[in-house]
Amino acid sequence: STPRPITRGVPQGSVLGPVLFILFTNDFPRYMQDYCETVMYADDTVLLLGRPRAEQLEIDSYIALNMAIQYCSNNDLVVNKSKTKQLVLGRHSKNTERLPELEEINTTEYLGVTLDDKISWTAHINNLCNKLSTGLFVIRRMKNVGDMMTLKITYHALFESHLRYGIAVWGGTTAGNLQRVLVLQKRAIRTLYNLKPRESCREAFQKLRI
């Protein structure tokens, strides 16, 4: 094929693509600073707004969304409307009018943490418990073929890594949710030390320094 000049955009899959995109959109937070807070990671962008009154939040949200759309239009960028959602957080979220242009969601996953509109972290705990259950299954399978060192490596890689991720954020969830996580962790520790289901694992925690 013959070479052709590119006057806009970045070829998909190129090595410089992510770097050029970040440089290209580097001024977006400053552009939006009078309207909302922005959180950007690669090509994911979040607009954050918090207001004491619902009426002001509705107005400012509408303005911020349209300013973001205008920025994209001015810079030959396309907003993916199918991936653009709105999530209203808080106990009184039902009193806030939604933006009709955007689909409303109750939960969303951002950087590996699942947020819900009630900020209860129950949705995140549900996802976390699924991952921990998968890790526990692997640990039990490895129990038959690996030594203690291999089992500890498996535990840290497939169980504790998920458990620790974002714990500073979701660790303030309800005692019931924390108990669900603790039960799975105790099962994993009992598996490592070949303890019975009802046998105390306190000493095993201390020996593993967990």
C-alpha atoms as a PDB file:
ATOM      1  CA  SER A   1       0.000   0.000   0.000  1.00  0.00           C
ATOM      2  CA  THR A   2       1.132   3.540  -0.649  1.00  0.00           C
ATOM      3  CA  PRO A   3       1.812   5.972   2.233  1.00  0.00           C
ATOM      4  CA  ARG A   4      -0.976   8.430   3.014  1.00  0.00           C
ATOM      5  CA  PRO A   5      -0.798  11.536   5.218  1.00  0.00           C
ATOM      6  CA  ILE A   6      -2.796  11.593   8.476  1.00  0.00           C
ATOM      7  CA  THR A   7      -4.149  15.040   9.305  1.00  0.00           C
ATOM      8  CA  ARG A   8      -6.039  14.092  12.468  1.00  0.00           C
ATOM      9  CA  GLY A   9      -6.258  11.260  14.984  1.00  0.00           C
ATOM     10  CA  VAL A  10      -3.796   8.527  15.863  1.00  0.00           C
ATOM     11  CA  PRO A  11      -3.521   5.120  14.168  1.00  0.00           C
ATOM     12  CA  GLN A  12      -5.127   2.492  16.395  1.00  0.00           C
ATOM     13  CA  GLY A  13      -2.668   0.015  17.873  1.00  0.00           C
ATOM     14  CA  SER A  14       0.381   2.203  17.370  1.00  0.00           C
ATOM     15  CA  VAL A  15       3.076   2.397  20.054  1.00  0.00           C
ATOM     16  CA  LEU A  16       2.771   6.171  20.346  1.00  0.00           C
ATOM     17  CA  GLY A  17      -1.040   6.105  20.343  1.00  0.00           C
ATOM     18  CA  PRO A  18      -1.615   6.206  24.134  1.00  0.00           C
ATOM     19  CA  VAL A  19       1.108   8.805  24.697  1.00  0.00           C
ATOM     20  CA  LEU A  20      -0.171  11.083  21.949  1.00  0.00           C
ATOM     21  CA  PHE A  21      -3.750  10.779  23.221  1.00  0.00           C
ATOM     22  CA  ILE A  22      -2.702  11.764  26.752  1.00  0.00           C
ATOM     23  CA  LEU A  23      -0.757  14.742  25.420  1.00  0.00           C
ATOM     24  CA  PHE A  24      -3.662  15.725  23.192  1.00  0.00           C
ATOM     25  CA  THR A  25      -6.201  15.744  26.052  1.00  0.00           C
ATOM     26  CA  ASN A  26      -3.839  17.042  28.737  1.00  0.00           C
ATOM     27  CA  ASP A  27      -5.631  20.407  28.922  1.00  0.00           C
ATOM     28  CA  PHE A  28      -9.082  18.899  29.533  1.00  0.00           C
ATOM     29  CA  PRO A  29      -8.998  19.140  33.373  1.00  0.00           C
ATOM     30  CA  ARG A  30      -8.077  22.823  33.172  1.00  0.00           C
ATOM     31  CA  TYR A  31     -10.804  23.396  30.584  1.00  0.00           C
ATOM     32  CA  MET A  32     -13.373  21.842  32.941  1.00  0.00           C
ATOM     33  CA  GLN A  33     -12.096  23.187  36.269  1.00  0.00           C
ATOM     34  CA  ASP A  34     -14.810  25.855  36.564  1.00  0.00           C
ATOM     35  CA  TYR A  35     -17.581  23.303  36.052  1.00  0.00           C
ATOM     36  CA  CYS A  36     -16.551  20.053  37.778  1.00  0.00           C
ATOM     37  CA  GLU A  37     -13.722  17.864  39.004  1.00  0.00           C
ATOM     38  CA  THR A  38     -12.223  15.497  36.447  1.00  0.00           C
ATOM     39  CA  VAL A  39     -10.542  12.126  36.898  1.00  0.00           C
ATOM     40  CA  MET A  40      -8.701  10.786  33.853  1.00  0.00           C
ATOM     41  CA  TYR A  41      -7.022   7.425  33.361  1.00  0.00           C
ATOM     42  CA  ALA A  42      -5.920   6.596  29.815  1.00  0.00           C
ATOM     43  CA  ASP A  43      -9.035   7.150  27.677  1.00  0.00           C
ATOM     44  CA  ASP A  44     -11.496   6.903  30.606  1.00  0.00           C
ATOM     45  CA  THR A  45     -12.767  10.229  31.904  1.00  0.00           C
ATOM     46  CA  VAL A  46     -15.013  10.857  34.907  1.00  0.00           C
ATOM     47  CA  LEU A  47     -16.790  14.141  35.660  1.00  0.00           C
ATOM     48  CA  LEU A  48     -17.427  14.588  39.393  1.00  0.00           C
ATOM     49  CA  LEU A  49     -19.925  17.070  40.780  1.00  0.00           C
ATOM     50  CA  GLY A  50     -21.097  17.594  44.348  1.00  0.00           C
ATOM     51  CA  ARG A  51     -23.522  20.319  45.367  1.00  0.00           C
ATOM     52  CA  PRO A  52     -25.450  21.015  48.599  1.00  0.00           C
ATOM     53  CA  ARG A  53     -28.738  21.515  46.728  1.00  0.00           C
ATOM     54  CA  ALA A  54     -30.283  19.163  44.176  1.00  0.00           C
ATOM     55  CA  GLU A  55     -31.394  22.031  41.930  1.00  0.00           C
ATOM     56  CA  GLN A  56     -27.858  23.382  41.623  1.00  0.00           C
ATOM     57  CA  LEU A  57     -26.486  19.900  40.968  1.00  0.00           C
ATOM     58  CA  GLU A  58     -28.946  19.413  38.108  1.00  0.00           C
ATOM     59  CA  ILE A  59     -27.975  22.710  36.469  1.00  0.00           C
ATOM     60  CA  ASP A  60     -24.228  22.290  36.915  1.00  0.00           C
ATOM     61  CA  SER A  61     -24.327  18.682  35.668  1.00  0.00           C
ATOM     62  CA  TYR A  62     -26.060  19.783  32.487  1.00  0.00           C
ATOM     63  CA  ILE A  63     -23.513  22.568  31.944  1.00  0.00           C
ATOM     64  CA  ALA A  64     -20.521  20.300  32.645  1.00  0.00           C
ATOM     65  CA  LEU A  65     -21.740  17.621  30.244  1.00  0.00           C
ATOM     66  CA  ASN A  66     -22.261  20.107  27.442  1.00  0.00           C
ATOM     67  CA  MET A  67     -18.883  21.740  28.048  1.00  0.00           C
ATOM     68  CA  ALA A  68     -17.230  18.314  27.796  1.00  0.00           C
ATOM     69  CA  ILE A  69     -19.084  17.603  24.552  1.00  0.00           C
ATOM     70  CA  GLN A  70     -18.047  21.012  23.221  1.00  0.00           C
ATOM     71  CA  TYR A  71     -14.401  20.300  24.089  1.00  0.00           C
ATOM     72  CA  CYS A  72     -14.528  17.046  22.140  1.00  0.00           C
ATOM     73  CA  SER A  73     -16.147  18.763  19.182  1.00  0.00           C
ATOM     74  CA  ASN A  74     -13.517  21.522  19.148  1.00  0.00           C
ATOM     75  CA  ASN A  75     -10.708  18.938  19.211  1.00  0.00           C
ATOM     76  CA  ASP A  76     -12.139  16.518  16.627  1.00  0.00           C
ATOM     77  CA  LEU A  77     -12.875  13.907  19.299  1.00  0.00           C
ATOM     78  CA  VAL A  78     -15.970  11.711  19.329  1.00  0.00           C
ATOM     79  CA  VAL A  79     -17.922  11.020  22.522  1.00  0.00           C
ATOM     80  CA  ASN A  80     -18.926   7.362  22.784  1.00  0.00           C
ATOM     81  CA  LYS A  81     -22.511   7.857  23.964  1.00  0.00           C
ATOM     82  CA  SER A  82     -23.077   4.124  24.472  1.00  0.00           C
ATOM     83  CA  LYS A  83     -20.330   4.121  27.131  1.00  0.00           C
ATOM     84  CA  THR A  84     -21.251   7.444  28.730  1.00  0.00           C
ATOM     85  CA  LYS A  85     -23.340   6.851  31.867  1.00  0.00           C
ATOM     86  CA  GLN A  86     -24.556   8.812  34.869  1.00  0.00           C
ATOM     87  CA  LEU A  87     -24.426   7.634  38.475  1.00  0.00           C
ATOM     88  CA  VAL A  88     -26.051   9.713  41.220  1.00  0.00           C
ATOM     89  CA  LEU A  89     -24.604   8.968  44.653  1.00  0.00           C
ATOM     90  CA  GLY A  90     -26.114   9.512  48.084  1.00  0.00           C
ATOM     91  CA  ARG A  91     -29.148   8.757  50.235  1.00  0.00           C
ATOM     92  CA  HIS A  92     -31.229  11.523  48.651  1.00  0.00           C
ATOM     93  CA  SER A  93     -30.344  10.714  45.047  1.00  0.00           C
ATOM     94  CA  LYS A  94     -34.003  10.053  44.167  1.00  0.00           C
ATOM     95  CA  ASN A  95     -34.718  13.774  44.576  1.00  0.00           C
ATOM     96  CA  THR A  96     -32.256  14.712  41.828  1.00  0.00           C
ATOM     97  CA  GLU A  97     -33.373  15.030  38.212  1.00  0.00           C
ATOM     98  CA  ARG A  98     -31.320  12.972  35.784  1.00  0.00           C
ATOM     99  CA  LEU A  99     -29.727  14.084  32.530  1.00  0.00           C
ATOM    100  CA  PRO A 100     -32.068  12.804  29.805  1.00  0.00           C
ATOM    101  CA  GLU A 101     -29.207  12.401  27.320  1.00  0.00           C
ATOM    102  CA  LEU A 102     -27.433   9.763  29.414  1.00  0.00           C
ATOM    103  CA  GLU A 103     -28.345   6.286  30.591  1.00  0.00           C
ATOM    104  CA  GLU A 104     -28.608   6.022  34.372  1.00  0.00           C
ATOM    105  CA  ILE A 105     -26.880   3.151  36.179  1.00  0.00           C
ATOM    106  CA  ASN A 106     -26.906   1.965  39.793  1.00  0.00           C
ATOM    107  CA  THR A 107     -23.408   0.472  39.813  1.00  0.00           C
ATOM    108  CA  THR A 108     -20.239   0.929  37.812  1.00  0.00           C
ATOM    109  CA  GLU A 109     -16.718  -0.458  37.929  1.00  0.00           C
ATOM    110  CA  TYR A 110     -13.871   2.025  37.812  1.00  0.00           C
ATOM    111  CA  LEU A 111     -10.226   1.001  38.098  1.00  0.00           C
ATOM    112  CA  GLY A 112     -11.202  -2.327  39.614  1.00  0.00           C
ATOM    113  CA  VAL A 113     -13.544  -0.930  42.276  1.00  0.00           C
ATOM    114  CA  THR A 114     -17.323  -1.286  41.952  1.00  0.00           C
ATOM    115  CA  LEU A 115     -19.259   1.818  43.005  1.00  0.00           C
ATOM    116  CA  ASP A 116     -22.967   1.766  43.826  1.00  0.00           C
ATOM    117  CA  ASP A 117     -25.428   4.629  44.169  1.00  0.00           C
ATOM    118  CA  LYS A 118     -25.931   3.999  47.917  1.00  0.00           C
ATOM    119  CA  ILE A 119     -22.156   3.860  48.560  1.00  0.00           C
ATOM    120  CA  SER A 120     -22.728   0.640  50.512  1.00  0.00           C
ATOM    121  CA  TRP A 121     -19.983  -1.261  48.641  1.00  0.00           C
ATOM    122  CA  THR A 122     -22.219  -4.334  48.551  1.00  0.00           C
ATOM    123  CA  ALA A 123     -21.813  -4.660  44.785  1.00  0.00           C
ATOM    124  CA  HIS A 124     -18.034  -4.525  45.176  1.00  0.00           C
ATOM    125  CA  ILE A 125     -18.130  -7.157  47.932  1.00  0.00           C
ATOM    126  CA  ASN A 126     -20.213  -9.407  45.677  1.00  0.00           C
ATOM    127  CA  ASN A 127     -17.597  -9.169  42.919  1.00  0.00           C
ATOM    128  CA  LEU A 128     -14.760  -9.542  45.409  1.00  0.00           C
ATOM    129  CA  CYS A 129     -16.261 -12.688  46.943  1.00  0.00           C
ATOM    130  CA  ASN A 130     -16.576 -14.226  43.484  1.00  0.00           C
ATOM    131  CA  LYS A 131     -12.873 -13.595  42.848  1.00  0.00           C
ATOM    132  CA  LEU A 132     -11.908 -14.909  46.282  1.00  0.00           C
ATOM    133  CA  SER A 133     -13.984 -18.048  45.747  1.00  0.00           C
ATOM    134  CA  THR A 134     -12.129 -18.674  42.492  1.00  0.00           C
ATOM    135  CA  GLY A 135      -8.795 -18.190  44.253  1.00  0.00           C
ATOM    136  CA  LEU A 136      -9.888 -20.540  47.037  1.00  0.00           C
ATOM    137  CA  PHE A 137     -10.763 -23.200  44.467  1.00  0.00           C
ATOM    138  CA  VAL A 138      -7.264 -22.985  42.962  1.00  0.00           C
ATOM    139  CA  ILE A 139      -5.637 -23.153  46.406  1.00  0.00           C
ATOM    140  CA  ARG A 140      -7.579 -26.321  47.188  1.00  0.00           C
ATOM    141  CA  ARG A 141      -6.495 -27.875  43.901  1.00  0.00           C
ATOM    142  CA  MET A 142      -2.871 -26.888  44.524  1.00  0.00           C
ATOM    143  CA  LYS A 143      -3.036 -28.449  47.988  1.00  0.00           C
ATOM    144  CA  ASN A 144      -2.720 -31.905  46.417  1.00  0.00           C
ATOM    145  CA  VAL A 145       0.354 -31.154  44.299  1.00  0.00           C
ATOM    146  CA  GLY A 146       2.271 -28.278  45.905  1.00  0.00           C
ATOM    147  CA  ASP A 147       4.277 -27.686  49.080  1.00  0.00           C
ATOM    148  CA  MET A 148       3.601 -24.952  51.653  1.00  0.00           C
ATOM    149  CA  MET A 149       5.774 -22.397  49.842  1.00  0.00           C
ATOM    150  CA  THR A 150       3.858 -22.951  46.599  1.00  0.00           C
ATOM    151  CA  LEU A 151       0.546 -22.671  48.441  1.00  0.00           C
ATOM    152  CA  LYS A 152       1.577 -19.392  50.094  1.00  0.00           C
ATOM    153  CA  ILE A 153       2.618 -17.955  46.731  1.00  0.00           C
ATOM    154  CA  THR A 154      -0.722 -19.031  45.273  1.00  0.00           C
ATOM    155  CA  TYR A 155      -2.575 -17.477  48.215  1.00  0.00           C
ATOM    156  CA  HIS A 156      -0.825 -14.125  47.882  1.00  0.00           C
ATOM    157  CA  ALA A 157      -1.191 -14.070  44.089  1.00  0.00           C
ATOM    158  CA  LEU A 158      -4.790 -15.231  43.650  1.00  0.00           C
ATOM    159  CA  PHE A 159      -6.416 -14.381  46.977  1.00  0.00           C
ATOM    160  CA  GLU A 160      -4.750 -11.694  49.036  1.00  0.00           C
ATOM    161  CA  SER A 161      -3.985  -9.499  46.015  1.00  0.00           C
ATOM    162  CA  HIS A 162      -7.734  -9.141  45.395  1.00  0.00           C
ATOM    163  CA  LEU A 163      -8.431  -8.758  49.106  1.00  0.00           C
ATOM    164  CA  ARG A 164      -6.010  -5.861  49.560  1.00  0.00           C
ATOM    165  CA  TYR A 165      -6.849  -3.998  46.362  1.00  0.00           C
ATOM    166  CA  GLY A 166      -8.798  -0.834  47.155  1.00  0.00           C
ATOM    167  CA  ILE A 167      -9.383  -1.853  50.775  1.00  0.00           C
ATOM    168  CA  ALA A 168      -8.774   1.725  51.917  1.00  0.00           C
ATOM    169  CA  VAL A 169     -11.869   2.653  49.889  1.00  0.00           C
ATOM    170  CA  TRP A 170     -14.300  -0.222  50.477  1.00  0.00           C
ATOM    171  CA  GLY A 171     -13.042  -1.209  53.944  1.00  0.00           C
ATOM    172  CA  GLY A 172     -15.665   1.004  55.585  1.00  0.00           C
ATOM    173  CA  THR A 173     -18.540  -1.160  54.367  1.00  0.00           C
ATOM    174  CA  THR A 174     -20.984  -2.890  56.719  1.00  0.00           C
ATOM    175  CA  ALA A 175     -19.921  -5.497  59.261  1.00  0.00           C
ATOM    176  CA  GLY A 176     -22.004  -8.063  57.394  1.00  0.00           C
ATOM    177  CA  ASN A 177     -20.082  -7.484  54.173  1.00  0.00           C
ATOM    178  CA  LEU A 178     -16.741  -7.660  55.973  1.00  0.00           C
ATOM    179  CA  GLN A 179     -17.815 -10.914  57.604  1.00  0.00           C
ATOM    180  CA  ARG A 180     -18.451 -12.462  54.173  1.00  0.00           C
ATOM    181  CA  VAL A 181     -14.881 -11.653  53.161  1.00  0.00           C
ATOM    182  CA  LEU A 182     -13.456 -12.892  56.465  1.00  0.00           C
ATOM    183  CA  VAL A 183     -15.253 -16.237  56.144  1.00  0.00           C
ATOM    184  CA  LEU A 184     -13.637 -16.862  52.757  1.00  0.00           C
ATOM    185  CA  GLN A 185     -10.225 -15.828  54.061  1.00  0.00           C
ATOM    186  CA  LYS A 186     -10.537 -18.236  56.998  1.00  0.00           C
ATOM    187  CA  ARG A 187     -11.415 -21.033  54.587  1.00  0.00           C
ATOM    188  CA  ALA A 188      -8.275 -20.274  52.599  1.00  0.00           C
ATOM    189  CA  ILE A 189      -6.094 -20.276  55.730  1.00  0.00           C
ATOM    190  CA  ARG A 190      -7.630 -23.545  56.944  1.00  0.00           C
ATOM    191  CA  THR A 191      -6.896 -25.060  53.547  1.00  0.00           C
ATOM    192  CA  LEU A 192      -3.240 -24.002  53.753  1.00  0.00           C
ATOM    193  CA  TYR A 193      -2.821 -25.580  57.191  1.00  0.00           C
ATOM    194  CA  ASN A 194      -5.122 -28.531  56.587  1.00  0.00           C
ATOM    195  CA  LEU A 195      -7.444 -27.516  59.431  1.00  0.00           C
ATOM    196  CA  LYS A 196     -10.983 -28.722  59.942  1.00  0.00           C
ATOM    197  CA  PRO A 197     -13.878 -26.372  59.019  1.00  0.00           C
ATOM    198  CA  ARG A 198     -14.670 -25.553  62.682  1.00  0.00           C
ATOM    199  CA  GLU A 199     -11.092 -25.548  63.933  1.00  0.00           C
ATOM    200  CA  SER A 200      -9.593 -22.240  65.078  1.00  0.00           C
ATOM    201  CA  CYS A 201      -7.242 -20.653  62.551  1.00  0.00           C
ATOM    202  CA  ARG A 202      -5.963 -17.820  64.762  1.00  0.00           C
ATOM    203  CA  GLU A 203      -2.551 -19.459  65.196  1.00  0.00           C
ATOM    204  CA  ALA A 204      -2.337 -20.128  61.445  1.00  0.00           C
ATOM    205  CA  PHE A 205      -2.909 -16.422  60.753  1.00  0.00           C
ATOM    206  CA  GLN A 206      -0.040 -15.567  63.103  1.00  0.00           C
ATOM    207  CA  LYS A 207       2.340 -18.097  61.568  1.00  0.00           C
ATOM    208  CA  LEU A 208       1.573 -16.801  58.066  1.00  0.00           C
ATOM    209  CA  ARG A 209       1.843 -13.187  59.322  1.00  0.00           C
ATOM    210  CA  ILE A 210      -1.464 -12.288  57.721  1.00  0.00           C
END
